[in-house]
N, C-alpha and C. Protein backbone atom coordinates (compact mmCIF):
# COMPACT_ATOMS: atom_id res chain seq x y z
N MET A 1 0.85 -1.18 0.00
CA MET A 1 0.00 0.00 0.00
C MET A 1 0.89 1.24 0.00
N VAL A 2 0.78 2.04 -1.01
CA VAL A 2 1.57 3.26 -1.16
C VAL A 2 0.59 4.40 -1.39
N ASP A 3 0.79 5.54 -0.69
CA ASP A 3 -0.13 6.65 -0.87
C ASP A 3 0.13 7.35 -2.21
N ARG A 4 -0.68 8.32 -2.57
CA ARG A 4 -0.56 8.96 -3.88
C ARG A 4 0.71 9.77 -4.04
N GLU A 5 1.39 10.07 -2.93
CA GLU A 5 2.67 10.78 -3.01
C GLU A 5 3.85 9.83 -3.10
N GLY A 6 3.59 8.52 -2.99
CA GLY A 6 4.65 7.52 -3.13
C GLY A 6 5.25 7.04 -1.82
N PHE A 7 4.57 7.31 -0.69
CA PHE A 7 5.09 6.89 0.61
C PHE A 7 4.28 5.70 1.15
N ARG A 8 5.00 4.72 1.64
CA ARG A 8 4.38 3.52 2.22
C ARG A 8 4.17 3.77 3.71
N PRO A 9 2.94 3.57 4.24
CA PRO A 9 2.69 3.75 5.67
C PRO A 9 3.40 2.67 6.50
N ASN A 10 3.94 3.09 7.61
CA ASN A 10 4.83 2.26 8.41
C ASN A 10 4.74 2.68 9.86
N VAL A 11 5.10 1.78 10.77
CA VAL A 11 5.22 2.13 12.19
C VAL A 11 6.66 1.91 12.63
N GLY A 12 7.13 2.76 13.52
CA GLY A 12 8.43 2.62 14.15
C GLY A 12 8.22 2.40 15.64
N ILE A 13 9.07 1.57 16.25
CA ILE A 13 8.86 1.17 17.64
C ILE A 13 10.12 1.42 18.46
N MET A 14 9.98 2.25 19.50
CA MET A 14 11.05 2.45 20.47
C MET A 14 10.61 1.76 21.76
N ILE A 15 11.46 0.88 22.26
CA ILE A 15 11.17 0.17 23.50
C ILE A 15 12.16 0.64 24.55
N SER A 16 11.64 1.24 25.61
CA SER A 16 12.48 1.77 26.68
C SER A 16 12.59 0.77 27.82
N ASP A 17 13.77 0.77 28.46
CA ASP A 17 13.92 -0.05 29.67
C ASP A 17 13.46 0.72 30.90
N GLY A 18 13.02 1.96 30.72
CA GLY A 18 12.54 2.79 31.83
C GLY A 18 13.64 3.55 32.53
N ALA A 19 14.89 3.32 32.14
CA ALA A 19 16.03 3.97 32.80
C ALA A 19 16.91 4.74 31.82
N GLY A 20 16.32 5.13 30.69
CA GLY A 20 17.07 5.95 29.74
C GLY A 20 17.65 5.23 28.55
N ARG A 21 17.42 3.93 28.46
CA ARG A 21 17.98 3.17 27.34
C ARG A 21 16.86 2.64 26.45
N LEU A 22 17.21 2.46 25.16
CA LEU A 22 16.26 1.96 24.17
C LEU A 22 16.80 0.69 23.53
N LEU A 23 15.87 -0.18 23.12
CA LEU A 23 16.23 -1.40 22.44
C LEU A 23 16.67 -1.07 21.02
N TRP A 24 17.83 -1.58 20.64
CA TRP A 24 18.47 -1.31 19.36
C TRP A 24 18.77 -2.67 18.75
N ALA A 25 18.34 -2.92 17.52
CA ALA A 25 18.43 -4.26 16.94
C ALA A 25 19.24 -4.26 15.64
N ARG A 26 19.98 -5.36 15.45
CA ARG A 26 20.81 -5.51 14.25
C ARG A 26 20.08 -6.35 13.22
N ARG A 27 20.00 -5.81 12.01
CA ARG A 27 19.35 -6.54 10.91
C ARG A 27 20.13 -7.83 10.63
N ILE A 28 19.38 -8.88 10.40
CA ILE A 28 19.99 -10.19 10.25
C ILE A 28 21.00 -10.21 9.10
N GLY A 29 22.17 -10.75 9.41
CA GLY A 29 23.22 -10.90 8.41
C GLY A 29 23.88 -9.61 7.95
N GLN A 30 23.65 -8.50 8.64
CA GLN A 30 24.20 -7.20 8.23
C GLN A 30 24.82 -6.50 9.43
N ASP A 31 25.60 -5.49 9.16
CA ASP A 31 26.07 -4.61 10.24
C ASP A 31 25.24 -3.33 10.17
N ALA A 32 23.94 -3.49 10.21
CA ALA A 32 22.99 -2.38 10.13
C ALA A 32 22.04 -2.48 11.31
N TRP A 33 22.00 -1.44 12.11
CA TRP A 33 21.19 -1.42 13.33
C TRP A 33 20.06 -0.43 13.17
N GLN A 34 18.93 -0.72 13.82
CA GLN A 34 17.78 0.17 13.75
C GLN A 34 16.78 -0.19 14.84
N PHE A 35 15.76 0.66 14.98
CA PHE A 35 14.62 0.32 15.81
C PHE A 35 13.73 -0.62 15.01
N PRO A 36 12.95 -1.47 15.69
CA PRO A 36 11.97 -2.27 14.96
C PRO A 36 10.99 -1.36 14.21
N GLN A 37 10.60 -1.78 13.05
CA GLN A 37 9.63 -1.03 12.26
C GLN A 37 8.99 -1.98 11.27
N GLY A 38 7.86 -1.57 10.71
CA GLY A 38 7.22 -2.41 9.72
C GLY A 38 6.02 -1.75 9.09
N GLY A 39 5.60 -2.29 7.97
CA GLY A 39 4.51 -1.72 7.20
C GLY A 39 3.15 -1.92 7.84
N ILE A 40 2.25 -1.04 7.45
CA ILE A 40 0.86 -1.11 7.88
C ILE A 40 0.07 -1.76 6.74
N ASN A 41 -0.63 -2.82 7.03
CA ASN A 41 -1.42 -3.52 6.02
C ASN A 41 -2.66 -2.72 5.65
N PRO A 42 -3.21 -2.92 4.44
CA PRO A 42 -4.44 -2.23 4.06
C PRO A 42 -5.54 -2.48 5.08
N GLY A 43 -6.19 -1.41 5.53
CA GLY A 43 -7.28 -1.50 6.49
C GLY A 43 -6.84 -1.64 7.94
N GLU A 44 -5.55 -1.77 8.17
CA GLU A 44 -5.03 -1.95 9.53
C GLU A 44 -4.77 -0.59 10.17
N LYS A 45 -5.13 -0.44 11.42
CA LYS A 45 -4.84 0.80 12.16
C LYS A 45 -3.37 0.78 12.58
N PRO A 46 -2.72 1.96 12.62
CA PRO A 46 -1.31 2.00 12.99
C PRO A 46 -0.98 1.31 14.32
N GLU A 47 -1.82 1.49 15.33
CA GLU A 47 -1.54 0.86 16.63
C GLU A 47 -1.57 -0.67 16.52
N HIS A 48 -2.51 -1.19 15.74
CA HIS A 48 -2.57 -2.64 15.55
C HIS A 48 -1.33 -3.13 14.81
N ALA A 49 -0.89 -2.36 13.80
CA ALA A 49 0.33 -2.72 13.07
C ALA A 49 1.53 -2.72 14.01
N MET A 50 1.58 -1.76 14.92
CA MET A 50 2.69 -1.69 15.87
C MET A 50 2.74 -2.94 16.72
N TYR A 51 1.60 -3.39 17.27
CA TYR A 51 1.58 -4.60 18.09
C TYR A 51 1.91 -5.85 17.27
N ARG A 52 1.45 -5.89 16.03
CA ARG A 52 1.76 -7.03 15.16
C ARG A 52 3.27 -7.09 14.90
N GLU A 53 3.84 -5.94 14.54
CA GLU A 53 5.29 -5.88 14.27
C GLU A 53 6.09 -6.16 15.54
N LEU A 54 5.62 -5.68 16.67
CA LEU A 54 6.30 -5.93 17.95
C LEU A 54 6.45 -7.43 18.18
N TYR A 55 5.38 -8.17 17.92
CA TYR A 55 5.44 -9.62 18.10
C TYR A 55 6.30 -10.28 17.02
N GLU A 56 6.08 -9.91 15.76
CA GLU A 56 6.80 -10.55 14.66
C GLU A 56 8.31 -10.33 14.76
N GLU A 57 8.73 -9.13 15.13
CA GLU A 57 10.15 -8.79 15.11
C GLU A 57 10.86 -8.99 16.44
N ILE A 58 10.14 -8.77 17.57
CA ILE A 58 10.78 -8.78 18.89
C ILE A 58 10.20 -9.86 19.80
N GLY A 59 9.07 -10.45 19.40
CA GLY A 59 8.49 -11.54 20.18
C GLY A 59 7.71 -11.09 21.40
N LEU A 60 7.43 -9.80 21.51
CA LEU A 60 6.71 -9.29 22.68
C LEU A 60 5.22 -9.17 22.40
N GLU A 61 4.44 -9.49 23.42
CA GLU A 61 2.98 -9.37 23.37
C GLU A 61 2.56 -8.02 23.97
N PRO A 62 1.33 -7.58 23.72
CA PRO A 62 0.88 -6.31 24.31
C PRO A 62 1.03 -6.23 25.83
N ASP A 63 0.83 -7.34 26.54
CA ASP A 63 0.97 -7.34 28.00
C ASP A 63 2.42 -7.21 28.47
N ASP A 64 3.38 -7.39 27.56
CA ASP A 64 4.79 -7.29 27.91
C ASP A 64 5.29 -5.85 27.94
N VAL A 65 4.47 -4.93 27.43
CA VAL A 65 4.88 -3.53 27.31
C VAL A 65 3.76 -2.60 27.76
N GLU A 66 4.14 -1.36 27.99
CA GLU A 66 3.17 -0.30 28.25
C GLU A 66 3.32 0.72 27.13
N LEU A 67 2.22 1.06 26.47
CA LEU A 67 2.23 2.08 25.43
C LEU A 67 2.26 3.44 26.10
N LEU A 68 3.32 4.19 25.88
CA LEU A 68 3.49 5.49 26.54
C LEU A 68 3.09 6.67 25.67
N ALA A 69 3.42 6.60 24.38
CA ALA A 69 3.16 7.76 23.51
C ALA A 69 3.31 7.36 22.05
N CYS A 70 2.81 8.25 21.20
CA CYS A 70 2.90 8.10 19.75
C CYS A 70 3.15 9.47 19.15
N THR A 71 3.92 9.54 18.08
CA THR A 71 4.11 10.83 17.42
C THR A 71 2.76 11.33 16.90
N ARG A 72 2.62 12.64 16.86
CA ARG A 72 1.34 13.24 16.48
C ARG A 72 0.99 12.99 15.01
N GLY A 73 1.94 13.15 14.15
CA GLY A 73 1.67 12.99 12.72
C GLY A 73 2.61 11.98 12.09
N TRP A 74 2.61 11.98 10.77
CA TRP A 74 3.48 11.10 10.01
C TRP A 74 4.85 11.76 9.85
N LEU A 75 5.90 10.98 10.05
CA LEU A 75 7.26 11.43 9.78
C LEU A 75 7.72 10.68 8.53
N ARG A 76 8.27 11.43 7.56
CA ARG A 76 8.61 10.81 6.27
C ARG A 76 10.11 10.78 6.02
N TYR A 77 10.52 9.73 5.33
CA TYR A 77 11.87 9.72 4.77
C TYR A 77 11.81 9.16 3.35
N ARG A 78 12.73 9.65 2.54
CA ARG A 78 12.84 9.17 1.16
C ARG A 78 13.93 8.11 1.08
N LEU A 79 13.66 7.10 0.31
CA LEU A 79 14.67 6.08 0.04
C LEU A 79 15.66 6.63 -0.99
N PRO A 80 16.93 6.28 -0.87
CA PRO A 80 17.87 6.65 -1.93
C PRO A 80 17.38 6.06 -3.26
N ARG A 81 17.63 6.75 -4.33
CA ARG A 81 17.15 6.32 -5.64
C ARG A 81 17.54 4.86 -5.95
N ALA A 82 18.74 4.47 -5.55
CA ALA A 82 19.22 3.11 -5.83
C ALA A 82 18.40 2.05 -5.08
N MET A 83 17.71 2.44 -4.02
CA MET A 83 16.91 1.49 -3.24
C MET A 83 15.44 1.47 -3.66
N GLN A 84 15.05 2.40 -4.52
CA GLN A 84 13.67 2.44 -4.99
C GLN A 84 13.48 1.36 -6.05
N ARG A 85 12.40 0.63 -5.95
CA ARG A 85 12.09 -0.40 -6.95
C ARG A 85 11.36 0.28 -8.10
N ARG A 86 12.12 0.71 -9.08
CA ARG A 86 11.58 1.51 -10.19
C ARG A 86 10.51 0.77 -10.99
N HIS A 87 10.54 -0.56 -11.00
CA HIS A 87 9.57 -1.34 -11.77
C HIS A 87 8.25 -1.54 -11.01
N SER A 88 8.21 -1.19 -9.73
CA SER A 88 6.99 -1.38 -8.93
C SER A 88 5.96 -0.30 -9.24
N LYS A 89 4.73 -0.71 -9.28
CA LYS A 89 3.62 0.22 -9.49
C LYS A 89 2.63 0.04 -8.35
N PRO A 90 2.26 1.06 -7.59
CA PRO A 90 2.82 2.41 -7.71
C PRO A 90 4.25 2.46 -7.15
N LEU A 91 5.00 3.42 -7.63
CA LEU A 91 6.39 3.58 -7.20
C LEU A 91 6.42 4.05 -5.74
N CYS A 92 7.20 3.36 -4.92
CA CYS A 92 7.38 3.74 -3.52
C CYS A 92 8.69 4.51 -3.42
N ILE A 93 8.61 5.80 -3.04
CA ILE A 93 9.82 6.62 -2.93
C ILE A 93 10.32 6.73 -1.49
N GLY A 94 9.52 6.22 -0.54
CA GLY A 94 9.93 6.31 0.85
C GLY A 94 8.85 5.79 1.78
N GLN A 95 9.02 6.12 3.05
CA GLN A 95 8.06 5.68 4.05
C GLN A 95 7.57 6.86 4.86
N LYS A 96 6.30 6.75 5.27
CA LYS A 96 5.75 7.69 6.26
C LYS A 96 5.46 6.87 7.49
N GLN A 97 5.92 7.35 8.63
CA GLN A 97 5.88 6.54 9.84
C GLN A 97 5.19 7.23 11.00
N LYS A 98 4.49 6.42 11.77
CA LYS A 98 4.02 6.79 13.11
C LYS A 98 4.97 6.08 14.05
N TRP A 99 5.50 6.82 15.02
CA TRP A 99 6.46 6.25 15.97
C TRP A 99 5.80 6.07 17.33
N TYR A 100 6.07 4.92 17.96
CA TYR A 100 5.52 4.57 19.25
C TYR A 100 6.64 4.41 20.27
N MET A 101 6.40 4.91 21.48
CA MET A 101 7.30 4.71 22.61
C MET A 101 6.63 3.75 23.57
N LEU A 102 7.30 2.63 23.83
CA LEU A 102 6.81 1.61 24.74
C LEU A 102 7.79 1.45 25.89
N LYS A 103 7.28 1.02 27.02
CA LYS A 103 8.14 0.65 28.15
C LYS A 103 8.05 -0.85 28.32
N LEU A 104 9.20 -1.51 28.41
CA LEU A 104 9.22 -2.94 28.64
C LEU A 104 8.79 -3.23 30.08
N LEU A 105 7.76 -4.04 30.23
CA LEU A 105 7.27 -4.45 31.55
C LEU A 105 7.75 -5.86 31.89
N ALA A 106 7.92 -6.68 30.87
CA ALA A 106 8.32 -8.07 31.06
C ALA A 106 9.82 -8.18 31.32
N GLU A 107 10.24 -9.34 31.69
CA GLU A 107 11.67 -9.62 31.82
C GLU A 107 12.30 -9.63 30.43
N GLU A 108 13.57 -9.30 30.37
CA GLU A 108 14.28 -9.24 29.09
C GLU A 108 14.27 -10.57 28.34
N ASP A 109 14.19 -11.68 29.05
CA ASP A 109 14.23 -12.97 28.37
C ASP A 109 12.97 -13.24 27.54
N ARG A 110 11.98 -12.36 27.65
CA ARG A 110 10.78 -12.45 26.80
C ARG A 110 11.07 -11.94 25.38
N ILE A 111 12.14 -11.19 25.22
CA ILE A 111 12.51 -10.67 23.90
C ILE A 111 13.04 -11.83 23.07
N ARG A 112 12.36 -12.08 21.95
CA ARG A 112 12.72 -13.19 21.06
C ARG A 112 12.76 -12.67 19.63
N LEU A 113 13.85 -12.89 18.96
CA LEU A 113 14.02 -12.41 17.59
C LEU A 113 13.72 -13.49 16.55
N ASP A 114 13.39 -14.69 17.01
CA ASP A 114 13.28 -15.84 16.11
C ASP A 114 11.87 -16.42 16.00
N LEU A 115 10.85 -15.64 16.32
CA LEU A 115 9.50 -16.19 16.32
C LEU A 115 8.83 -16.19 14.94
N SER A 116 9.27 -15.33 14.04
CA SER A 116 8.63 -15.31 12.73
C SER A 116 9.39 -16.25 11.79
N GLY A 117 8.75 -16.63 10.72
CA GLY A 117 9.39 -17.50 9.74
C GLY A 117 10.55 -16.84 9.02
N LYS A 118 10.57 -15.51 9.04
CA LYS A 118 11.61 -14.74 8.37
C LYS A 118 12.08 -13.64 9.33
N PRO A 119 12.96 -13.98 10.28
CA PRO A 119 13.40 -12.97 11.26
C PRO A 119 14.05 -11.76 10.61
N GLU A 120 13.81 -10.59 11.21
CA GLU A 120 14.41 -9.33 10.74
C GLU A 120 15.75 -9.07 11.40
N PHE A 121 15.90 -9.52 12.66
CA PHE A 121 17.06 -9.18 13.47
C PHE A 121 17.74 -10.44 14.01
N ASP A 122 19.06 -10.32 14.26
CA ASP A 122 19.78 -11.44 14.86
C ASP A 122 20.43 -11.08 16.20
N HIS A 123 20.33 -9.83 16.61
CA HIS A 123 20.91 -9.42 17.89
C HIS A 123 20.24 -8.11 18.33
N TRP A 124 20.21 -7.90 19.64
CA TRP A 124 19.69 -6.64 20.16
C TRP A 124 20.53 -6.24 21.37
N GLN A 125 20.45 -4.94 21.71
CA GLN A 125 21.14 -4.43 22.89
C GLN A 125 20.43 -3.16 23.36
N TRP A 126 20.71 -2.76 24.60
CA TRP A 126 20.21 -1.49 25.11
C TRP A 126 21.25 -0.42 24.76
N VAL A 127 20.77 0.74 24.29
CA VAL A 127 21.65 1.87 23.98
C VAL A 127 21.08 3.14 24.61
N SER A 128 21.93 4.14 24.78
CA SER A 128 21.46 5.41 25.33
C SER A 128 20.45 6.05 24.37
N TYR A 129 19.62 6.91 24.91
CA TYR A 129 18.47 7.46 24.17
C TYR A 129 18.85 8.07 22.82
N TRP A 130 19.86 8.92 22.77
CA TRP A 130 20.19 9.64 21.54
C TRP A 130 21.17 8.90 20.63
N TYR A 131 21.71 7.80 21.09
CA TYR A 131 22.70 7.04 20.32
C TYR A 131 22.23 6.71 18.89
N PRO A 132 21.00 6.26 18.68
CA PRO A 132 20.58 5.84 17.33
C PRO A 132 20.64 6.92 16.26
N VAL A 133 20.52 8.18 16.64
CA VAL A 133 20.46 9.25 15.62
C VAL A 133 21.66 9.21 14.68
N ASN A 134 22.83 9.03 15.20
CA ASN A 134 24.03 9.04 14.36
C ASN A 134 24.49 7.66 13.94
N GLN A 135 23.78 6.63 14.37
CA GLN A 135 24.18 5.26 14.06
C GLN A 135 23.31 4.61 12.98
N VAL A 136 22.08 5.06 12.85
CA VAL A 136 21.19 4.48 11.85
C VAL A 136 21.66 4.94 10.46
N ILE A 137 21.27 4.20 9.45
CA ILE A 137 21.62 4.55 8.08
C ILE A 137 21.24 6.00 7.80
N GLU A 138 22.06 6.68 7.03
CA GLU A 138 21.95 8.13 6.87
C GLU A 138 20.57 8.62 6.44
N PHE A 139 19.92 7.95 5.51
CA PHE A 139 18.64 8.48 5.01
C PHE A 139 17.52 8.41 6.05
N LYS A 140 17.72 7.68 7.16
CA LYS A 140 16.72 7.63 8.23
C LYS A 140 17.05 8.56 9.39
N GLN A 141 18.21 9.20 9.38
CA GLN A 141 18.66 9.96 10.54
C GLN A 141 17.73 11.10 10.92
N GLU A 142 17.22 11.84 9.96
CA GLU A 142 16.36 12.98 10.31
C GLU A 142 15.03 12.51 10.91
N VAL A 143 14.47 11.43 10.40
CA VAL A 143 13.24 10.89 10.98
C VAL A 143 13.50 10.42 12.42
N TYR A 144 14.62 9.76 12.64
CA TYR A 144 14.95 9.33 13.99
C TYR A 144 15.10 10.54 14.92
N ARG A 145 15.79 11.55 14.45
CA ARG A 145 15.99 12.77 15.25
C ARG A 145 14.64 13.38 15.63
N ARG A 146 13.75 13.49 14.66
CA ARG A 146 12.45 14.10 14.91
C ARG A 146 11.60 13.25 15.86
N ALA A 147 11.60 11.93 15.66
CA ALA A 147 10.81 11.05 16.54
C ALA A 147 11.37 11.07 17.96
N LEU A 148 12.69 10.98 18.10
CA LEU A 148 13.29 11.00 19.44
C LEU A 148 13.05 12.34 20.13
N LYS A 149 13.13 13.42 19.37
CA LYS A 149 12.89 14.74 19.96
C LYS A 149 11.44 14.86 20.45
N GLU A 150 10.49 14.43 19.63
CA GLU A 150 9.08 14.53 20.01
C GLU A 150 8.76 13.65 21.23
N LEU A 151 9.38 12.49 21.31
CA LEU A 151 9.07 11.56 22.39
C LEU A 151 10.00 11.70 23.60
N ALA A 152 10.99 12.58 23.53
CA ALA A 152 11.95 12.76 24.63
C ALA A 152 11.28 13.12 25.96
N PRO A 153 10.26 13.99 26.00
CA PRO A 153 9.63 14.29 27.30
C PRO A 153 9.09 13.04 28.00
N VAL A 154 8.60 12.08 27.24
CA VAL A 154 8.08 10.83 27.82
C VAL A 154 9.24 10.05 28.46
N GLN A 155 10.36 9.97 27.75
CA GLN A 155 11.53 9.26 28.27
C GLN A 155 12.07 9.97 29.52
N CYS A 156 12.11 11.29 29.50
CA CYS A 156 12.59 12.05 30.67
C CYS A 156 11.71 11.78 31.89
N GLU A 157 10.41 11.71 31.68
CA GLU A 157 9.49 11.42 32.78
C GLU A 157 9.72 10.01 33.33
N LEU A 158 9.96 9.05 32.45
CA LEU A 158 10.27 7.68 32.89
C LEU A 158 11.52 7.66 33.78
N GLU A 159 12.54 8.35 33.33
CA GLU A 159 13.80 8.39 34.07
C GLU A 159 13.60 9.05 35.43
N ARG A 160 12.79 10.10 35.45
CA ARG A 160 12.53 10.82 36.70
C ARG A 160 11.83 9.90 37.72
N GLN A 161 10.93 9.06 37.22
CA GLN A 161 10.17 8.16 38.08
C GLN A 161 10.98 6.98 38.58
N SER A 162 12.04 6.61 37.86
CA SER A 162 12.79 5.40 38.27
C SER A 162 13.88 5.68 39.29
C-alpha cells in the first residue's frame, strides 16, 4: 500500500527499559542497526500494526509492554534512488511513519528475535536514548531525530520516576 505521493505507511517502535535506554536491533546478516519497524497492512490501524510488528520482530505481546506515547503525525523519509524499486507500481519513494514509545514491563528474556518464519534481526542491545540518531543509516537519521525529539519528554518522565 503506497499513498498517492509515493510513501508507504509504516510504524516505528522504540522500547524503553525505563532507565534511559532503548532497544536497538541488528538486521539479520548485516552490520545495520535500527529500531523495529514495519509496514501497515491495508485497512489496519497504525496501533494494531505496531503490536503485530512488535510480536513478529521482537516476540513481545501487548501485556509485555506499556504504550506510553505516539508521534502526532506522520514522519517521512525518502529512500535513496538506488533502493527504490523503479519497476513497482505504484512507485514507492519512501516511508511515512508513526512512531511509538513503549516501556518494557516483562523480563528481558521475553525478547525473542526468532518467532517469525523470516526474522528481521539477529541481535539486540540497550543503547542510550540519543545514540541511534548518528548510528542508523543516513537516510533515516532525520526521521529518527524528529521522533526522538518529540518523544523525549516521555523518556525524561520515565527516568525521573525510576
